[in-house]
Amino acid sequence: MNRRNALQVISAAVAAASLPVSVWGQSYPSKSIRLVVPFPAGSTTDMVARTYSVQVSQALGQPIVVENKAGADGLIAGQEVSRASGDGYTLFLATNSPMAAGPAMKKNPPYDPLKDFSPIADLGRYTFFMVVHPSVPANSLADLVKLAKESPGKLSYATGNTTGILGVAQFCSLAGIQMTHVPYKGEPQAMLDLLAGRVQAMMVSSGTSIAHLREGKIRALAVATASRSPLLPNVPTMVEVGVAKFTITSWAAVYGPPNMPKAIVERLNKEFMAAAQRPEVKAAMEKIAFIQTGSTPEGLAAHTKEQYDSYRAALRAAGIEPE
C-alpha cells in the first residue's frame, strides 16, 4: 500500500469513529434475536417474555426467539448471557433470582450482576402474598408476629424460590421473630404442603396462590408490593402493616451481555417500553398480576444495584450464610 492509499484508509477510519453512535444502530437488527428466559416454558416469566417478544419483534422487523434455559435459580442462563457477544442478538429476560438473589446467595457467583450485563428495560414487578394456612389463628400480620414471638420456631414456612426465601427471612428479621424454614424445589410442591397444613406460612406468587386464596384454602395477610393488588384489594401491603423497611422485590427486566452499543440499548428500550403500552400487553399482564413499571437503561441499572444490595443485606440480617 502506498502512502496516499494508507492516508485514505486512516482518514476513513477516523471519519467512521467520529460518526454519532446512533449511526451504528441503523442496520440493527438484521437477523433474529435470541431472548433467554431462566425458567421453564409455561412459567410466569415465560409468559411475560413471550407476550413482549411478539410485539417487539414486529416493531424491529425480525423474530425474537424465546429460549428457556432453567436451572440454579437462573444462574445457568445468567452465566451464558454474561459471556455472550454484546452485538444485540442475545438478550436476557431476567428476574431478581439471577440478578440479585442467586449471586447474593453464592460465595463465588459465576458473574457480577452489576458489571457483566447491559441494563435495557425494566418491565415490572411480580405480586407476592404472605399467606397462612386457615388453621393458623392469625387474621393479620401482627397476629402472626405475636404467635411467632410466643412460640419461637414453632411456626414453619415453606419456600419455593429465592423471593420466598429472602422475603420471609427479611420479614422475620425486621419483626424480630423466628420461624422454621422448610425449603422446596418449587412453589407447586411447597403449596401442596401448605394446603395440607404440614407447614403454616409462605410468601408465594399470585400465580400459584390466587385460586386457593379466592377459595379460602389459604389466607393472605399482606402483599409484598408497593401498592395493594387489584386481585385482592382488601389485603394491605407490608408497609401498611408496619414492616416499613421491607425491601425484597420480585421483578422482571431485559438485560443484554456487557458492552452493548448505546444505540442498540436505546432502540431496544424504546421498543420494549412501546410494547408495554399496547392494550393486548396490558391485558395479558393484568391477568397474571404483573405490575408494569418501565424505566430507562440507567433507571434499571440503579434498581438492580439497589436490589442486589438489599438482598445481600437481608441475607446478613437473617444470618443466612452464602453457599
Protein backbone atom coordinates (compact mmCIF):
# COMPACT_ATOMS: atom_id res chain seq x y z
CA MET A 1 0.00 0.00 0.00
CA ASN A 2 1.47 3.38 -0.98
CA ARG A 3 1.50 6.42 1.28
CA ARG A 4 -1.53 8.00 -0.40
CA ASN A 5 -3.68 4.88 -0.01
CA ALA A 6 -2.56 4.49 3.58
CA LEU A 7 -3.63 8.04 4.34
CA GLN A 8 -7.02 7.39 2.73
CA VAL A 9 -7.56 4.31 4.90
CA ILE A 10 -6.62 6.22 8.05
CA SER A 11 -8.90 9.13 7.10
CA ALA A 12 -11.80 6.76 6.52
CA ALA A 13 -11.24 5.11 9.91
CA VAL A 14 -11.13 8.45 11.69
CA ALA A 15 -14.32 9.56 9.94
CA ALA A 16 -16.10 6.35 10.94
CA ALA A 17 -15.00 6.71 14.55
CA SER A 18 -16.43 10.22 14.67
CA LEU A 19 -19.89 9.19 13.48
CA PRO A 20 -22.72 9.54 16.02
CA VAL A 21 -23.32 6.30 17.91
CA SER A 22 -26.86 6.16 16.51
CA VAL A 23 -25.47 5.50 13.04
CA TRP A 24 -24.07 2.20 14.22
CA GLY A 25 -27.53 1.02 15.22
CA GLN A 26 -29.32 1.91 11.99
CA SER A 27 -28.86 -1.55 10.48
CA TYR A 28 -29.88 -3.33 13.70
CA PRO A 29 -31.38 -5.86 13.72
CA SER A 30 -30.50 -7.73 10.56
CA LYS A 31 -31.32 -11.22 11.85
CA SER A 32 -33.31 -12.99 14.55
CA ILE A 33 -32.72 -12.19 18.23
CA ARG A 34 -32.44 -14.78 20.99
CA LEU A 35 -34.26 -13.97 24.25
CA VAL A 36 -33.02 -16.23 27.05
CA VAL A 37 -35.52 -16.94 29.84
CA PRO A 38 -34.12 -18.51 33.04
CA PHE A 39 -37.26 -20.52 33.85
CA PRO A 40 -39.29 -23.26 32.11
CA ALA A 41 -41.88 -22.77 29.40
CA GLY A 42 -45.25 -22.00 30.94
CA SER A 43 -43.82 -20.15 33.92
CA THR A 44 -44.98 -16.61 34.68
CA THR A 45 -41.65 -15.22 33.47
CA ASP A 46 -42.01 -17.19 30.25
CA MET A 47 -45.46 -15.66 29.75
CA VAL A 48 -44.02 -12.16 30.19
CA ALA A 49 -41.22 -12.94 27.72
CA ARG A 50 -43.50 -14.33 25.03
CA THR A 51 -46.07 -11.55 25.37
CA TYR A 52 -43.50 -8.80 24.96
CA SER A 53 -41.44 -10.60 22.32
CA VAL A 54 -44.37 -10.79 19.88
CA GLN A 55 -44.84 -7.03 19.98
CA VAL A 56 -41.16 -6.07 19.97
CA SER A 57 -40.31 -8.45 17.11
CA GLN A 58 -43.00 -6.80 14.97
CA ALA A 59 -41.53 -3.36 15.70
CA LEU A 60 -37.97 -4.50 14.95
CA GLY A 61 -38.87 -6.42 11.81
CA GLN A 62 -37.02 -9.53 12.98
CA PRO A 63 -38.19 -12.52 15.02
CA ILE A 64 -37.38 -12.78 18.70
CA VAL A 65 -36.86 -16.43 19.60
CA VAL A 66 -37.55 -17.27 23.25
CA GLU A 67 -35.11 -19.84 24.64
CA ASN A 68 -35.88 -21.38 28.03
CA LYS A 69 -32.77 -22.28 29.99
CA ALA A 70 -33.83 -23.20 33.52
CA GLY A 71 -31.66 -24.24 36.44
CA ALA A 72 -29.82 -22.99 39.53
CA ASP A 73 -32.31 -20.15 40.17
CA GLY A 74 -31.40 -18.59 36.84
CA LEU A 75 -27.63 -18.64 37.33
CA ILE A 76 -27.07 -21.02 34.41
CA ALA A 77 -28.88 -18.72 31.99
CA GLY A 78 -27.25 -15.66 33.52
CA GLN A 79 -23.77 -17.05 33.11
CA GLU A 80 -24.41 -17.87 29.46
CA VAL A 81 -25.71 -14.39 28.65
CA SER A 82 -22.90 -12.68 30.57
CA ARG A 83 -20.41 -14.40 28.26
CA ALA A 84 -22.30 -13.79 25.01
CA SER A 85 -21.43 -11.24 22.37
CA GLY A 86 -22.73 -7.75 23.04
CA ASP A 87 -23.97 -7.34 19.47
CA GLY A 88 -27.63 -7.18 20.48
CA TYR A 89 -28.61 -10.63 19.24
CA THR A 90 -28.64 -12.26 22.67
CA LEU A 91 -30.95 -10.79 25.32
CA PHE A 92 -31.90 -11.91 28.83
CA LEU A 93 -35.36 -11.58 30.33
CA ALA A 94 -34.14 -11.83 33.88
CA THR A 95 -35.73 -11.64 37.30
CA ASN A 96 -34.46 -10.90 40.78
CA SER A 97 -33.35 -14.54 41.06
CA PRO A 98 -30.40 -14.42 38.61
CA MET A 99 -29.77 -10.68 39.04
CA ALA A 100 -29.84 -10.34 42.84
CA ALA A 101 -30.81 -13.33 44.98
CA GLY A 102 -28.78 -16.02 43.22
CA PRO A 103 -25.49 -14.11 43.20
CA ALA A 104 -26.09 -12.87 46.76
CA MET A 105 -26.52 -16.44 47.98
CA LYS A 106 -23.23 -17.64 46.48
CA LYS A 107 -19.76 -17.11 47.93
CA ASN A 108 -18.35 -17.19 44.43
CA PRO A 109 -21.14 -16.28 41.98
CA PRO A 110 -20.48 -17.07 38.30
CA TYR A 111 -20.87 -13.42 37.34
CA ASP A 112 -21.32 -9.91 38.73
CA PRO A 113 -24.89 -8.72 38.05
CA LEU A 114 -23.77 -5.09 38.16
CA LYS A 115 -20.78 -5.36 35.82
CA ASP A 116 -21.42 -8.29 33.49
CA PHE A 117 -24.68 -7.13 31.86
CA SER A 118 -26.09 -4.19 29.91
CA PRO A 119 -29.35 -2.98 31.52
CA ILE A 120 -32.01 -2.33 28.87
CA ALA A 121 -35.57 -2.09 30.16
CA ASP A 122 -37.34 -2.60 33.49
CA LEU A 123 -40.66 -4.32 32.70
CA GLY A 124 -42.38 -4.68 36.06
CA ARG A 125 -42.99 -6.38 39.37
CA TYR A 126 -44.46 -9.74 40.31
CA THR A 127 -47.09 -9.92 43.04
CA PHE A 128 -46.24 -11.98 46.13
CA PHE A 129 -48.54 -12.56 49.10
CA MET A 130 -47.64 -13.51 52.67
CA VAL A 131 -50.13 -16.29 53.39
CA VAL A 132 -51.01 -18.74 56.15
CA HIS A 133 -52.97 -21.96 56.44
CA PRO A 134 -56.53 -21.41 57.81
CA SER A 135 -55.62 -23.39 60.95
CA VAL A 136 -53.23 -20.61 61.98
CA PRO A 137 -55.11 -18.22 64.32
CA ALA A 138 -53.83 -15.11 62.56
CA ASN A 139 -56.03 -12.67 60.67
CA SER A 140 -53.29 -10.08 60.31
CA LEU A 141 -49.54 -9.91 60.06
CA ALA A 142 -49.48 -8.53 63.61
CA ASP A 143 -51.28 -11.68 64.78
CA LEU A 144 -48.66 -13.83 63.04
CA VAL A 145 -45.84 -11.89 64.67
CA LYS A 146 -47.47 -12.31 68.09
CA LEU A 147 -47.85 -16.07 67.62
CA ALA A 148 -44.25 -16.43 66.49
CA LYS A 149 -42.97 -14.46 69.47
CA GLU A 150 -45.00 -16.58 71.87
CA SER A 151 -43.52 -19.80 70.45
CA PRO A 152 -40.19 -19.13 68.67
CA GLY A 153 -39.52 -21.65 65.91
CA LYS A 154 -42.84 -23.46 66.31
CA LEU A 155 -44.37 -22.00 63.16
CA SER A 156 -42.87 -23.19 59.88
CA TYR A 157 -42.81 -21.53 56.49
CA ALA A 158 -42.38 -23.04 53.04
CA THR A 159 -40.37 -21.56 50.19
CA GLY A 160 -40.21 -22.46 46.52
CA ASN A 161 -37.97 -19.72 45.13
CA THR A 162 -35.46 -17.08 46.14
CA THR A 163 -38.10 -14.39 46.61
CA GLY A 164 -39.84 -16.57 49.19
CA ILE A 165 -36.57 -17.41 50.93
CA LEU A 166 -35.27 -13.89 51.30
CA GLY A 167 -38.67 -12.23 51.59
CA VAL A 168 -39.66 -14.22 54.68
CA ALA A 169 -36.09 -14.04 56.04
CA GLN A 170 -36.19 -10.24 55.87
CA PHE A 171 -39.69 -10.12 57.36
CA CYS A 172 -38.63 -12.31 60.29
CA SER A 173 -35.52 -10.23 60.85
CA LEU A 174 -37.46 -6.94 60.83
CA ALA A 175 -40.20 -8.33 63.06
CA GLY A 176 -37.76 -9.95 65.47
CA ILE A 177 -39.29 -13.41 65.19
CA GLN A 178 -38.18 -16.96 64.43
CA MET A 179 -39.98 -19.40 62.16
CA THR A 180 -38.66 -22.70 60.86
CA HIS A 181 -37.69 -22.69 57.18
CA VAL A 182 -38.82 -25.64 55.05
CA PRO A 183 -37.40 -25.30 51.51
CA TYR A 184 -38.90 -26.92 48.41
CA LYS A 185 -37.72 -27.20 44.81
CA GLY A 186 -40.56 -25.05 43.56
CA GLU A 187 -43.75 -23.27 44.58
CA PRO A 188 -46.17 -26.02 43.45
CA GLN A 189 -44.56 -28.56 45.79
CA ALA A 190 -44.48 -26.06 48.65
CA MET A 191 -48.12 -25.13 48.09
CA LEU A 192 -49.22 -28.76 48.40
CA ASP A 193 -47.81 -28.98 51.91
CA LEU A 194 -49.19 -25.58 52.86
CA LEU A 195 -52.67 -26.62 51.71
CA ALA A 196 -52.32 -29.81 53.74
CA GLY A 197 -51.29 -27.85 56.82
CA ARG A 198 -47.88 -29.51 57.07
CA VAL A 199 -46.35 -26.00 57.01
CA GLN A 200 -48.10 -22.91 58.32
CA ALA A 201 -46.95 -19.95 56.22
CA MET A 202 -45.43 -18.96 52.89
CA MET A 203 -44.56 -15.94 50.76
CA VAL A 204 -45.92 -17.02 47.40
CA SER A 205 -46.55 -15.61 43.94
CA SER A 206 -50.05 -14.66 42.88
CA GLY A 207 -49.96 -17.15 40.03
CA THR A 208 -49.53 -20.07 42.41
CA SER A 209 -51.79 -18.79 45.17
CA ILE A 210 -54.68 -16.71 43.83
CA ALA A 211 -57.10 -19.59 43.13
CA HIS A 212 -56.52 -21.05 46.61
CA LEU A 213 -56.88 -17.62 48.21
CA ARG A 214 -60.20 -16.98 46.49
CA GLU A 215 -61.45 -20.41 47.58
CA GLY A 216 -60.45 -19.75 51.18
CA LYS A 217 -57.97 -22.62 51.31
CA ILE A 218 -55.25 -20.23 52.49
CA ARG A 219 -55.38 -16.69 53.95
CA ALA A 220 -53.44 -13.65 52.75
CA LEU A 221 -52.08 -11.34 55.45
CA ALA A 222 -50.09 -8.89 53.32
CA VAL A 223 -48.88 -8.25 49.79
CA ALA A 224 -45.19 -7.64 49.10
CA THR A 225 -45.65 -4.84 46.57
CA ALA A 226 -45.58 -1.07 46.86
CA SER A 227 -49.35 -0.82 46.43
CA ARG A 228 -52.29 -3.11 47.00
CA SER A 229 -53.08 -5.73 44.39
CA PRO A 230 -56.27 -5.40 42.33
CA LEU A 231 -56.57 -9.16 42.69
CA LEU A 232 -57.18 -8.78 46.45
CA PRO A 233 -57.65 -5.08 47.14
CA ASN A 234 -58.53 -5.64 50.81
CA VAL A 235 -55.12 -7.16 51.57
CA PRO A 236 -52.71 -4.49 52.91
CA THR A 237 -49.11 -4.03 51.83
CA MET A 238 -46.18 -4.97 54.06
CA VAL A 239 -45.51 -1.27 54.62
CA GLU A 240 -49.14 -0.59 55.59
CA VAL A 241 -48.98 -3.20 58.33
CA GLY A 242 -45.81 -1.80 59.84
CA VAL A 243 -42.97 -3.56 58.04
CA ALA A 244 -41.71 -0.26 56.69
CA LYS A 245 -38.20 -1.41 55.85
CA PHE A 246 -39.28 -4.41 53.77
CA THR A 247 -37.33 -4.11 50.51
CA ILE A 248 -37.38 -7.50 48.81
CA THR A 249 -38.97 -7.09 45.39
CA SER A 250 -39.58 -9.59 42.62
CA TRP A 251 -39.13 -8.09 39.18
CA ALA A 252 -38.60 -8.85 35.51
CA ALA A 253 -36.38 -6.81 33.21
CA VAL A 254 -34.45 -7.06 29.97
CA TYR A 255 -30.66 -7.13 30.02
CA GLY A 256 -28.00 -7.88 27.46
CA PRO A 257 -24.38 -9.03 27.62
CA PRO A 258 -21.80 -6.45 28.68
CA ASN A 259 -20.57 -3.68 26.37
CA MET A 260 -23.61 -3.44 24.12
CA PRO A 261 -23.58 -0.36 21.84
CA LYS A 262 -25.56 2.51 23.33
CA ALA A 263 -27.62 2.92 20.15
CA ILE A 264 -28.82 -0.69 20.29
CA VAL A 265 -29.63 -0.45 24.01
CA GLU A 266 -31.66 2.71 23.38
CA ARG A 267 -33.51 1.17 20.44
CA LEU A 268 -34.44 -1.91 22.45
CA ASN A 269 -35.52 0.17 25.44
CA LYS A 270 -37.74 2.26 23.15
CA GLU A 271 -39.43 -0.80 21.63
CA PHE A 272 -39.97 -2.65 24.92
CA MET A 273 -41.44 0.48 26.51
CA ALA A 274 -43.70 1.00 23.48
CA ALA A 275 -44.86 -2.62 23.68
CA ALA A 276 -45.75 -2.14 27.35
CA GLN A 277 -48.34 0.47 26.36
CA ARG A 278 -50.21 -1.71 23.90
CA PRO A 279 -53.66 -2.85 25.11
CA GLU A 280 -53.02 -6.53 24.42
CA VAL A 281 -49.84 -6.46 26.53
CA LYS A 282 -51.52 -4.57 29.36
CA ALA A 283 -54.40 -7.06 29.38
CA ALA A 284 -52.07 -10.06 29.42
CA MET A 285 -50.04 -8.61 32.30
CA GLU A 286 -53.15 -7.84 34.34
CA LYS A 287 -54.23 -11.48 34.09
CA ILE A 288 -51.04 -12.64 35.82
CA ALA A 289 -50.94 -9.70 38.28
CA PHE A 290 -47.72 -8.40 36.78
CA ILE A 291 -47.39 -4.72 37.68
CA GLN A 292 -45.85 -2.86 34.75
CA THR A 293 -43.27 -0.21 35.58
CA GLY A 294 -40.85 0.78 32.83
CA SER A 295 -37.58 2.68 33.02
CA THR A 296 -34.59 3.98 31.15
CA PRO A 297 -31.50 1.75 31.00
CA GLU A 298 -29.95 3.98 33.66
CA GLY A 299 -33.00 3.56 35.86
CA LEU A 300 -32.78 -0.21 35.57
CA ALA A 301 -29.09 -0.11 36.46
CA ALA A 302 -29.88 1.83 39.63
CA HIS A 303 -32.75 -0.52 40.53
CA THR A 304 -30.56 -3.60 40.03
CA LYS A 305 -27.89 -2.20 42.35
CA GLU A 306 -30.43 -1.23 44.99
CA GLN A 307 -32.00 -4.68 44.94
CA TYR A 308 -28.69 -6.56 44.91
CA ASP A 309 -27.61 -4.58 47.96
CA SER A 310 -30.98 -5.26 49.63
CA TYR A 311 -30.75 -8.99 49.04
CA ARG A 312 -27.24 -9.16 50.45
CA ALA A 313 -28.30 -7.12 53.49
CA ALA A 314 -31.31 -9.39 54.04
CA LEU A 315 -29.06 -12.44 54.00
CA ARG A 316 -26.75 -10.93 56.60
CA ALA A 317 -29.61 -9.79 58.81
CA ALA A 318 -31.22 -13.22 58.69
CA GLY A 319 -27.94 -14.97 59.45
CA ILE A 320 -28.02 -16.90 56.16
CA GLU A 321 -24.52 -17.71 55.01
CA PRO A 322 -23.80 -17.73 51.26
CA GLU A 323 -23.03 -21.22 50.00
